[in-house]
Structure formats: structure tokens, C-alpha cells
Amino acid sequence: MLYAIISTDTDNSLDKRKSARPAHLARLQELQDQGRLILAGPHPAVDCDDPGDAGFTGSLVVAEFADLEEAKQWADADPYLEAGVYAKVTVKPFKKVLPQ
């Protein structure tokens, strides 16, 4: 089943994000290599692709996991969480309707 992992950043998280980004992306690449990643990316703090110093307010990952517990365990091991980038992480079941 698919799960949405919705993360909210702490204030002034940009430097922490930059530091932990390679490890964060490596984990996402593993999901992609396994064919389980649907989409992943950050929420810019301002309305543009490159928010510069404004940074980001959080992230969204939609991926396939065996169950909710596995999705939560994966999210709990995110390098961004360990680095103090994320203030809150919510994991929910997700049903993809479109596109088919």
C-alpha cells in the first residue's frame, strides 16, 4: 500500500537540511531503485522552485510500504529527523486515484 510521509521543518532548518541532504537522498534513491517511490520533494518556503535563503517548510514522500508500521519506521530513521530538520512527521495511508 502507499503511504504519505508529511514532514514539517523546524524554524531556520536550511543549514541542517544542506548538511543531511546526501544521506536523505540516498535513502530515497534506495526506495526508487526498489520501484517503491512514487514522488518526493520539499515544500519551498516561498512560491518558487529555488527559494534561496528562505529555505523550505517541510517535505512530502509518497512511497509503497508493507504496512503503516513499516512506513513509520522508515520515516523515523530519516537523516533529516536525526539532524533536527523536521519538527513533526505524519505518516498516513494514501490511495492514488489519478493519474492511472
Protein backbone atom coordinates (compact mmCIF):
# COMPACT_ATOMS: atom_id res chain seq x y z
CA MET A 1 0.00 0.00 0.00
CA LEU A 2 1.03 3.60 -0.50
CA TYR A 3 1.79 5.95 2.39
CA ALA A 4 2.23 9.72 2.51
CA ILE A 5 5.02 10.94 4.78
CA ILE A 6 4.36 14.60 5.50
CA SER A 7 7.12 16.42 7.36
CA THR A 8 7.22 19.91 8.81
CA ASP A 9 10.56 21.68 9.23
CA THR A 10 11.83 23.40 12.33
CA ASP A 11 12.49 27.13 12.02
CA ASN A 12 15.72 28.05 10.23
CA SER A 13 16.35 24.48 9.05
CA LEU A 14 18.17 25.27 5.80
CA ASP A 15 21.75 24.69 7.04
CA LYS A 16 20.73 21.43 8.71
CA ARG A 17 18.98 20.37 5.50
CA LYS A 18 22.07 21.05 3.42
CA SER A 19 24.23 19.03 5.78
CA ALA A 20 21.95 15.98 5.95
CA ARG A 21 20.77 16.09 2.32
CA PRO A 22 23.16 13.48 0.84
CA ALA A 23 22.11 10.84 3.38
CA HIS A 24 18.44 11.79 2.99
CA LEU A 25 18.63 11.47 -0.80
CA ALA A 26 20.47 8.14 -0.58
CA ARG A 27 17.54 6.63 1.33
CA LEU A 28 15.07 7.97 -1.22
CA GLN A 29 17.23 6.57 -4.03
CA GLU A 30 17.00 3.12 -2.39
CA LEU A 31 13.19 3.33 -2.49
CA GLN A 32 13.35 4.43 -6.12
CA ASP A 33 15.71 1.61 -7.05
CA GLN A 34 13.24 -0.83 -5.46
CA GLY A 35 10.39 0.66 -7.53
CA ARG A 36 8.57 1.83 -4.37
CA LEU A 37 8.94 5.62 -4.61
CA ILE A 38 6.04 7.49 -6.21
CA LEU A 39 7.22 11.05 -5.52
CA ALA A 40 9.34 13.02 -3.09
CA GLY A 41 10.29 16.63 -2.61
CA PRO A 42 10.39 19.66 -0.34
CA HIS A 43 7.86 22.46 0.18
CA PRO A 44 9.60 25.77 -0.69
CA ALA A 45 9.00 28.50 1.89
CA VAL A 46 8.21 30.95 -0.92
CA ASP A 47 6.39 30.49 -4.22
CA CYS A 48 9.28 29.49 -6.49
CA ASP A 49 11.36 26.45 -7.39
CA ASP A 50 14.52 27.82 -5.75
CA PRO A 51 13.61 29.59 -2.50
CA GLY A 52 17.24 30.53 -1.77
CA ASP A 53 17.78 31.62 1.82
CA ALA A 54 14.03 31.36 2.55
CA GLY A 55 14.53 27.59 2.59
CA PHE A 56 11.78 25.04 2.96
CA THR A 57 8.85 24.40 5.29
CA GLY A 58 8.76 20.63 5.03
CA SER A 59 8.71 17.66 2.70
CA LEU A 60 6.38 15.11 1.14
CA VAL A 61 7.23 11.50 0.30
CA VAL A 62 4.73 9.07 -1.21
CA ALA A 63 6.02 5.51 -1.32
CA GLU A 64 4.96 1.90 -1.05
CA PHE A 65 5.44 0.01 2.21
CA ALA A 66 4.11 -3.31 3.50
CA ASP A 67 2.07 -1.59 6.20
CA LEU A 68 1.73 1.57 8.28
CA GLU A 69 4.23 0.39 10.88
CA GLU A 70 6.93 -0.17 8.24
CA ALA A 71 6.26 3.28 6.78
CA LYS A 72 6.54 4.87 10.24
CA GLN A 73 9.78 3.02 10.98
CA TRP A 74 11.25 4.19 7.68
CA ALA A 75 10.20 7.79 8.38
CA ASP A 76 11.59 7.66 11.94
CA ALA A 77 15.05 6.79 10.56
CA ASP A 78 15.22 9.76 8.18
CA PRO A 79 18.53 11.66 8.44
CA TYR A 80 16.58 14.93 8.36
CA LEU A 81 14.79 13.89 11.55
CA GLU A 82 18.05 12.91 13.20
CA ALA A 83 19.66 16.22 12.14
CA GLY A 84 16.84 18.29 13.63
CA VAL A 85 15.43 19.44 10.29
CA TYR A 86 11.95 18.07 10.98
CA ALA A 87 9.83 19.26 13.89
CA LYS A 88 6.95 16.90 13.05
CA VAL A 89 6.41 13.88 10.81
CA THR A 90 2.98 12.46 9.97
CA VAL A 91 2.58 9.13 8.17
CA LYS A 92 -0.79 8.28 6.61
CA PRO A 93 -2.14 5.67 4.21
CA PHE A 94 -2.52 7.15 0.73
CA LYS A 95 -4.78 5.99 -2.08
CA LYS A 96 -3.66 7.09 -5.53
CA VAL A 97 -6.62 7.74 -7.82
CA LEU A 98 -5.11 9.79 -10.67
CA PRO A 99 -3.25 9.63 -12.88
CA GLN A 100 -3.90 5.99 -13.61
